[in-house]
Amino acid sequence: MAECGICLEDIKKPVCIPCGHVHCEKCLRAHINSGNDALKSSCPSCRSIFHIAMPDLSFVPKKYHDFMAPSVRKLYLDIASSAPLLAENEKLKTRVAELSRDKNALMEKCEARMAACRQYAADERDARLEAKAAQEATDRLQAKYDALEREFLDRSTLSQTSPDGRKRKGRESGDNSHISFRQEEHPSSVLESDVKLEEVKRGFIITARTILRSSSSVC
């Protein structure tokens, strides 16, 4: 429903003036009567001037009678029922409520997925750090193993050499003399070197298996 520009309420008995603004008939009459001019008045909304006095048509040529109309004319408005609009409004409210619930559910799922991603990233970082530490430990064991292997080869070379500086001949005699010479010259150091070499070998194998398992779990 339209609103009157004078009383600011729904229009009752609408009338229109030449500028096109619509007001209540009672409000417009009160506005015109409050003026000091008996021939013309102004629009309460846009201040346009319009005439309120009608000339005597008997003194006006008949050909102009069709063009002379009163300045204030009554309007008959066909106002539709508001029931369809209210029903549409209720449907829209229901739809908005459903969309709000869907939005909240999606936000909860999104936050859960983000938390899971952060946890996965933290686990992956820890696994990579563990793999790096295991690789460093493997490198250290490999260096220790290489050093012991070189020491073992050096001692083997010394054991295969006679006291006068000449190498022993014969494979079997050389192996027997190699063992007897190592046991005679350095019995304790040879045994200790063999034990260390076996321990390093076992440690290297265990570390390699651990690294392989860590790499497979990270992937």
C-alpha atoms as a PDB file:
ATOM      1  CA  MET A   1       0.000   0.000   0.000  1.00  0.00           C
ATOM      2  CA  ALA A   2       1.233   3.524  -0.903  1.00  0.00           C
ATOM      3  CA  GLU A   3       2.047   6.020   1.805  1.00  0.00           C
ATOM      4  CA  CYS A   4       0.739   9.556   2.024  1.00  0.00           C
ATOM      5  CA  GLY A   5       3.420  12.231   2.009  1.00  0.00           C
ATOM      6  CA  ILE A   6       1.503  14.397   4.469  1.00  0.00           C
ATOM      7  CA  CYS A   7       0.278  12.061   7.232  1.00  0.00           C
ATOM      8  CA  LEU A   8       2.926   9.358   6.506  1.00  0.00           C
ATOM      9  CA  GLU A   9       0.271   6.626   6.743  1.00  0.00           C
ATOM     10  CA  ASP A  10      -1.487   4.408   4.236  1.00  0.00           C
ATOM     11  CA  ILE A  11      -3.423   6.495   1.735  1.00  0.00           C
ATOM     12  CA  LYS A  12      -7.155   6.753   2.347  1.00  0.00           C
ATOM     13  CA  LYS A  13      -9.307   7.985  -0.572  1.00  0.00           C
ATOM     14  CA  PRO A  14      -6.334   8.771  -2.808  1.00  0.00           C
ATOM     15  CA  VAL A  15      -6.305  11.899  -4.984  1.00  0.00           C
ATOM     16  CA  CYS A  16      -3.734  12.956  -7.559  1.00  0.00           C
ATOM     17  CA  ILE A  17      -2.483  16.432  -8.516  1.00  0.00           C
ATOM     18  CA  PRO A  18      -0.893  17.491 -11.849  1.00  0.00           C
ATOM     19  CA  CYS A  19       2.689  16.784 -10.732  1.00  0.00           C
ATOM     20  CA  GLY A  20       1.762  13.121 -10.196  1.00  0.00           C
ATOM     21  CA  HIS A  21       2.013  12.842  -6.408  1.00  0.00           C
ATOM     22  CA  VAL A  22      -0.776  11.037  -4.593  1.00  0.00           C
ATOM     23  CA  HIS A  23      -2.122  11.999  -1.170  1.00  0.00           C
ATOM     24  CA  CYS A  24      -5.143  11.400   1.038  1.00  0.00           C
ATOM     25  CA  GLU A  25      -8.081  13.539  -0.001  1.00  0.00           C
ATOM     26  CA  LYS A  26      -8.537  14.833   3.540  1.00  0.00           C
ATOM     27  CA  CYS A  27      -4.850  15.663   3.975  1.00  0.00           C
ATOM     28  CA  LEU A  28      -4.643  17.487   0.623  1.00  0.00           C
ATOM     29  CA  ARG A  29      -7.778  19.526   1.360  1.00  0.00           C
ATOM     30  CA  ALA A  30      -6.324  20.534   4.723  1.00  0.00           C
ATOM     31  CA  HIS A  31      -3.068  21.533   3.020  1.00  0.00           C
ATOM     32  CA  ILE A  32      -4.877  23.643   0.384  1.00  0.00           C
ATOM     33  CA  ASN A  33      -7.126  25.304   2.993  1.00  0.00           C
ATOM     34  CA  SER A  34      -4.086  26.263   5.052  1.00  0.00           C
ATOM     35  CA  GLY A  35      -2.770  28.419   2.170  1.00  0.00           C
ATOM     36  CA  ASN A  36      -3.497  32.102   1.557  1.00  0.00           C
ATOM     37  CA  ASP A  37      -4.042  31.845  -2.227  1.00  0.00           C
ATOM     38  CA  ALA A  38      -7.521  30.989  -3.457  1.00  0.00           C
ATOM     39  CA  LEU A  39      -6.444  30.335  -7.057  1.00  0.00           C
ATOM     40  CA  LYS A  40      -3.405  28.107  -6.759  1.00  0.00           C
ATOM     41  CA  SER A  41      -1.502  25.952  -4.319  1.00  0.00           C
ATOM     42  CA  SER A  42       1.732  23.949  -4.163  1.00  0.00           C
ATOM     43  CA  CYS A  43       2.393  20.218  -3.920  1.00  0.00           C
ATOM     44  CA  PRO A  44       3.372  19.146  -0.378  1.00  0.00           C
ATOM     45  CA  SER A  45       6.038  16.809  -1.784  1.00  0.00           C
ATOM     46  CA  CYS A  46       7.766  18.684  -4.632  1.00  0.00           C
ATOM     47  CA  ARG A  47       6.370  22.248  -4.189  1.00  0.00           C
ATOM     48  CA  SER A  48       5.059  22.353  -7.765  1.00  0.00           C
ATOM     49  CA  ILE A  49       2.386  24.989  -8.348  1.00  0.00           C
ATOM     50  CA  PHE A  50      -1.063  23.840  -9.545  1.00  0.00           C
ATOM     51  CA  HIS A  51      -4.334  25.770 -10.009  1.00  0.00           C
ATOM     52  CA  ILE A  52      -7.292  25.002  -7.801  1.00  0.00           C
ATOM     53  CA  ALA A  53      -9.863  27.404  -9.418  1.00  0.00           C
ATOM     54  CA  MET A  54     -11.820  26.247 -12.462  1.00  0.00           C
ATOM     55  CA  PRO A  55     -12.921  28.842 -15.111  1.00  0.00           C
ATOM     56  CA  ASP A  56     -16.535  29.185 -16.122  1.00  0.00           C
ATOM     57  CA  LEU A  57     -16.876  26.866 -19.117  1.00  0.00           C
ATOM     58  CA  SER A  58     -19.636  29.018 -20.605  1.00  0.00           C
ATOM     59  CA  PHE A  59     -17.020  31.623 -21.446  1.00  0.00           C
ATOM     60  CA  VAL A  60     -14.561  29.108 -22.839  1.00  0.00           C
ATOM     61  CA  PRO A  61     -14.882  27.894 -26.435  1.00  0.00           C
ATOM     62  CA  LYS A  62     -16.349  24.389 -26.603  1.00  0.00           C
ATOM     63  CA  LYS A  63     -13.382  23.007 -28.509  1.00  0.00           C
ATOM     64  CA  TYR A  64     -11.243  23.510 -25.366  1.00  0.00           C
ATOM     65  CA  HIS A  65     -13.613  21.815 -22.938  1.00  0.00           C
ATOM     66  CA  ASP A  66     -11.996  18.358 -23.421  1.00  0.00           C
ATOM     67  CA  PHE A  67      -8.600  19.734 -22.391  1.00  0.00           C
ATOM     68  CA  MET A  68      -9.769  21.339 -19.180  1.00  0.00           C
ATOM     69  CA  ALA A  69      -9.801  18.943 -16.220  1.00  0.00           C
ATOM     70  CA  PRO A  70      -9.787  19.565 -12.491  1.00  0.00           C
ATOM     71  CA  SER A  71      -6.354  19.763 -10.887  1.00  0.00           C
ATOM     72  CA  VAL A  72      -7.314  17.390  -8.071  1.00  0.00           C
ATOM     73  CA  ARG A  73      -8.570  14.057  -9.370  1.00  0.00           C
ATOM     74  CA  LYS A  74      -9.701  10.995  -7.488  1.00  0.00           C
ATOM     75  CA  LEU A  75      -7.885   7.709  -8.008  1.00  0.00           C
ATOM     76  CA  TYR A  76      -9.257   4.200  -7.808  1.00  0.00           C
ATOM     77  CA  LEU A  77      -6.388   1.848  -6.982  1.00  0.00           C
ATOM     78  CA  ASP A  78      -6.654  -1.884  -7.454  1.00  0.00           C
ATOM     79  CA  ILE A  79      -4.683  -3.160  -4.477  1.00  0.00           C
ATOM     80  CA  ALA A  80      -3.840  -6.861  -4.699  1.00  0.00           C
ATOM     81  CA  SER A  81      -4.070  -9.158  -1.702  1.00  0.00           C
ATOM     82  CA  SER A  82      -0.920  -9.500   0.381  1.00  0.00           C
ATOM     83  CA  ALA A  83      -1.481 -13.215   1.119  1.00  0.00           C
ATOM     84  CA  PRO A  84       0.714 -14.498  -1.793  1.00  0.00           C
ATOM     85  CA  LEU A  85       3.513 -12.160  -0.773  1.00  0.00           C
ATOM     86  CA  LEU A  86       3.326 -13.307   2.840  1.00  0.00           C
ATOM     87  CA  ALA A  87       3.404 -16.955   1.747  1.00  0.00           C
ATOM     88  CA  GLU A  88       6.437 -16.266  -0.459  1.00  0.00           C
ATOM     89  CA  ASN A  89       8.083 -14.478   2.435  1.00  0.00           C
ATOM     90  CA  GLU A  90       7.586 -17.518   4.692  1.00  0.00           C
ATOM     91  CA  LYS A  91       9.044 -19.804   2.019  1.00  0.00           C
ATOM     92  CA  LEU A  92      12.098 -17.570   1.731  1.00  0.00           C
ATOM     93  CA  LYS A  93      12.546 -17.552   5.514  1.00  0.00           C
ATOM     94  CA  THR A  94      12.422 -21.357   5.580  1.00  0.00           C
ATOM     95  CA  ARG A  95      14.930 -21.550   2.744  1.00  0.00           C
ATOM     96  CA  VAL A  96      17.287 -19.145   4.515  1.00  0.00           C
ATOM     97  CA  ALA A  97      17.093 -21.247   7.695  1.00  0.00           C
ATOM     98  CA  GLU A  98      17.932 -24.419   5.721  1.00  0.00           C
ATOM     99  CA  LEU A  99      20.872 -22.730   4.024  1.00  0.00           C
ATOM    100  CA  SER A 100      22.134 -21.504   7.387  1.00  0.00           C
ATOM    101  CA  ARG A 101      22.048 -25.050   8.786  1.00  0.00           C
ATOM    102  CA  ASP A 102      23.865 -26.383   5.717  1.00  0.00           C
ATOM    103  CA  LYS A 103      26.457 -23.647   6.054  1.00  0.00           C
ATOM    104  CA  ASN A 104      27.101 -24.491   9.711  1.00  0.00           C
ATOM    105  CA  ALA A 105      27.426 -28.202   8.900  1.00  0.00           C
ATOM    106  CA  LEU A 106      29.878 -27.467   6.075  1.00  0.00           C
ATOM    107  CA  MET A 107      31.906 -25.192   8.352  1.00  0.00           C
ATOM    108  CA  GLU A 108      32.167 -27.938  10.979  1.00  0.00           C
ATOM    109  CA  LYS A 109      33.289 -30.473   8.361  1.00  0.00           C
ATOM    110  CA  CYS A 110      35.798 -28.003   6.943  1.00  0.00           C
ATOM    111  CA  GLU A 111      37.275 -27.291  10.374  1.00  0.00           C
ATOM    112  CA  ALA A 112      37.541 -31.032  11.086  1.00  0.00           C
ATOM    113  CA  ARG A 113      39.332 -31.628   7.766  1.00  0.00           C
ATOM    114  CA  MET A 114      41.694 -28.726   8.422  1.00  0.00           C
ATOM    115  CA  ALA A 115      42.539 -30.102  11.886  1.00  0.00           C
ATOM    116  CA  ALA A 116      43.184 -33.536  10.343  1.00  0.00           C
ATOM    117  CA  CYS A 117      45.451 -31.964   7.708  1.00  0.00           C
ATOM    118  CA  ARG A 118      47.412 -30.102  10.380  1.00  0.00           C
ATOM    119  CA  GLN A 119      47.827 -33.322  12.389  1.00  0.00           C
ATOM    120  CA  TYR A 120      48.949 -35.205   9.286  1.00  0.00           C
ATOM    121  CA  ALA A 121      51.464 -32.475   8.477  1.00  0.00           C
ATOM    122  CA  ALA A 122      52.847 -32.627  12.045  1.00  0.00           C
ATOM    123  CA  ASP A 123      53.123 -36.440  11.880  1.00  0.00           C
ATOM    124  CA  GLU A 124      54.826 -36.247   8.502  1.00  0.00           C
ATOM    125  CA  ARG A 125      57.291 -33.666   9.825  1.00  0.00           C
ATOM    126  CA  ASP A 126      58.110 -35.868  12.829  1.00  0.00           C
ATOM    127  CA  ALA A 127      58.533 -38.909  10.572  1.00  0.00           C
ATOM    128  CA  ARG A 128      60.867 -36.996   8.277  1.00  0.00           C
ATOM    129  CA  LEU A 129      62.929 -35.836  11.243  1.00  0.00           C
ATOM    130  CA  GLU A 130      63.149 -39.405  12.524  1.00  0.00           C
ATOM    131  CA  ALA A 131      64.155 -40.641   9.078  1.00  0.00           C
ATOM    132  CA  LYS A 132      66.824 -37.940   8.862  1.00  0.00           C
ATOM    133  CA  ALA A 133      68.183 -38.853  12.294  1.00  0.00           C
ATOM    134  CA  ALA A 134      68.211 -42.532  11.325  1.00  0.00           C
ATOM    135  CA  GLN A 135      70.043 -41.689   8.099  1.00  0.00           C
ATOM    136  CA  GLU A 136      72.646 -39.709  10.029  1.00  0.00           C
ATOM    137  CA  ALA A 137      73.078 -42.591  12.469  1.00  0.00           C
ATOM    138  CA  THR A 138      73.456 -44.964   9.509  1.00  0.00           C
ATOM    139  CA  ASP A 139      76.108 -42.724   7.984  1.00  0.00           C
ATOM    140  CA  ARG A 140      78.020 -42.667  11.257  1.00  0.00           C
ATOM    141  CA  LEU A 141      77.809 -46.447  11.573  1.00  0.00           C
ATOM    142  CA  GLN A 142      78.867 -46.817   7.953  1.00  0.00           C
ATOM    143  CA  ALA A 143      81.912 -44.611   8.559  1.00  0.00           C
ATOM    144  CA  LYS A 144      82.784 -46.615  11.687  1.00  0.00           C
ATOM    145  CA  TYR A 145      82.282 -49.849   9.759  1.00  0.00           C
ATOM    146  CA  ASP A 146      84.561 -48.645   6.940  1.00  0.00           C
ATOM    147  CA  ALA A 147      87.236 -47.650   9.452  1.00  0.00           C
ATOM    148  CA  LEU A 148      87.096 -51.028  11.187  1.00  0.00           C
ATOM    149  CA  GLU A 149      87.122 -52.801   7.837  1.00  0.00           C
ATOM    150  CA  ARG A 150      90.246 -50.904   6.785  1.00  0.00           C
ATOM    151  CA  GLU A 151      91.836 -51.741  10.131  1.00  0.00           C
ATOM    152  CA  PHE A 152      90.881 -55.374   9.679  1.00  0.00           C
ATOM    153  CA  LEU A 153      92.360 -55.439   6.163  1.00  0.00           C
ATOM    154  CA  ASP A 154      95.554 -53.815   7.423  1.00  0.00           C
ATOM    155  CA  ARG A 155      95.875 -56.395  10.163  1.00  0.00           C
ATOM    156  CA  SER A 156      95.120 -59.184   7.681  1.00  0.00           C
ATOM    157  CA  THR A 157      97.885 -57.891   5.425  1.00  0.00           C
ATOM    158  CA  LEU A 158     100.305 -57.818   8.359  1.00  0.00           C
ATOM    159  CA  SER A 159      99.327 -61.337   9.388  1.00  0.00           C
ATOM    160  CA  GLN A 160     100.038 -62.637   5.879  1.00  0.00           C
ATOM    161  CA  THR A 161     103.605 -61.232   5.985  1.00  0.00           C
ATOM    162  CA  SER A 162     106.478 -63.217   7.592  1.00  0.00           C
ATOM    163  CA  PRO A 163     108.686 -61.631  10.238  1.00  0.00           C
ATOM    164  CA  ASP A 164     111.438 -61.154   7.658  1.00  0.00           C
ATOM    165  CA  GLY A 165     109.117 -59.127   5.426  1.00  0.00           C
ATOM    166  CA  ARG A 166     108.237 -61.818   2.854  1.00  0.00           C
ATOM    167  CA  LYS A 167     104.721 -63.050   2.101  1.00  0.00           C
ATOM    168  CA  ARG A 168     103.913 -66.671   2.845  1.00  0.00           C
ATOM    169  CA  LYS A 169     103.183 -68.985  -0.125  1.00  0.00           C
ATOM    170  CA  GLY A 170     100.374 -71.431  -0.540  1.00  0.00           C
ATOM    171  CA  ARG A 171      96.718 -70.758   0.119  1.00  0.00           C
ATOM    172  CA  GLU A 172      96.176 -73.299   2.889  1.00  0.00           C
ATOM    173  CA  SER A 173      99.537 -72.778   4.504  1.00  0.00           C
ATOM    174  CA  GLY A 174      98.969 -69.040   4.146  1.00  0.00           C
ATOM    175  CA  ASP A 175      95.568 -69.215   5.875  1.00  0.00           C
ATOM    176  CA  ASN A 176      96.956 -71.389   8.684  1.00  0.00           C
ATOM    177  CA  SER A 177     100.010 -69.227   9.139  1.00  0.00           C
ATOM    178  CA  HIS A 178      97.697 -66.130   8.940  1.00  0.00           C
ATOM    179  CA  ILE A 179      95.607 -67.405  11.860  1.00  0.00           C
ATOM    180  CA  SER A 180      98.570 -68.662  13.897  1.00  0.00           C
ATOM    181  CA  PHE A 181     100.536 -65.469  13.337  1.00  0.00           C
ATOM    182  CA  ARG A 182      97.581 -63.268  14.382  1.00  0.00           C
ATOM    183  CA  GLN A 183      97.030 -65.400  17.455  1.00  0.00           C
ATOM    184  CA  GLU A 184     100.726 -65.439  18.353  1.00  0.00           C
ATOM    185  CA  GLU A 185     101.523 -61.782  17.694  1.00  0.00           C
ATOM    186  CA  HIS A 186      98.238 -60.060  18.663  1.00  0.00           C
ATOM    187  CA  PRO A 187      95.890 -62.563  20.262  1.00  0.00           C
ATOM    188  CA  SER A 188      93.733 -60.082  22.200  1.00  0.00           C
ATOM    189  CA  SER A 189      93.592 -57.309  19.560  1.00  0.00           C
ATOM    190  CA  VAL A 190      92.591 -59.736  16.789  1.00  0.00           C
ATOM    191  CA  LEU A 191      89.749 -61.163  18.851  1.00  0.00           C
ATOM    192  CA  GLU A 192      88.577 -57.685  19.838  1.00  0.00           C
ATOM    193  CA  SER A 193      88.641 -56.501  16.211  1.00  0.00           C
ATOM    194  CA  ASP A 194      86.556 -59.487  15.087  1.00  0.00           C
ATOM    195  CA  VAL A 195      84.008 -58.879  17.826  1.00  0.00           C
ATOM    196  CA  LYS A 196      83.757 -55.167  16.963  1.00  0.00           C
ATOM    197  CA  LEU A 197      83.372 -55.940  13.271  1.00  0.00           C
ATOM    198  CA  GLU A 198      80.526 -58.381  13.949  1.00  0.00           C
ATOM    199  CA  GLU A 199      78.780 -55.863  16.239  1.00  0.00           C
ATOM    200  CA  VAL A 200      79.057 -53.112  13.618  1.00  0.00           C
ATOM    201  CA  LYS A 201      77.684 -55.456  10.970  1.00  0.00           C
ATOM    202  CA  ARG A 202      74.670 -56.347  13.117  1.00  0.00           C
ATOM    203  CA  GLY A 203      74.051 -52.694  14.015  1.00  0.00           C
ATOM    204  CA  PHE A 204      74.292 -51.672  10.386  1.00  0.00           C
ATOM    205  CA  ILE A 205      71.751 -54.326   9.343  1.00  0.00           C
ATOM    206  CA  ILE A 206      69.299 -53.323  12.114  1.00  0.00           C
ATOM    207  CA  THR A 207      69.619 -49.613  11.230  1.00  0.00           C
ATOM    208  CA  ALA A 208      69.080 -50.296   7.526  1.00  0.00           C
ATOM    209  CA  ARG A 209      65.906 -52.235   8.298  1.00  0.00           C
ATOM    210  CA  THR A 210      64.646 -49.403  10.523  1.00  0.00           C
ATOM    211  CA  ILE A 211      65.257 -46.825   7.785  1.00  0.00           C
ATOM    212  CA  LEU A 212      63.411 -48.960   5.240  1.00  0.00           C
ATOM    213  CA  ARG A 213      60.410 -49.278   7.573  1.00  0.00           C
ATOM    214  CA  SER A 214      60.385 -45.528   8.316  1.00  0.00           C
ATOM    215  CA  SER A 215      60.576 -44.696   4.609  1.00  0.00           C
ATOM    216  CA  SER A 216      57.692 -47.046   3.772  1.00  0.00           C
ATOM    217  CA  SER A 217      55.519 -45.593   6.572  1.00  0.00           C
ATOM    218  CA  VAL A 218      56.207 -42.005   5.411  1.00  0.00           C
ATOM    219  CA  CYS A 219      55.275 -42.861   1.845  1.00  0.00           C
END
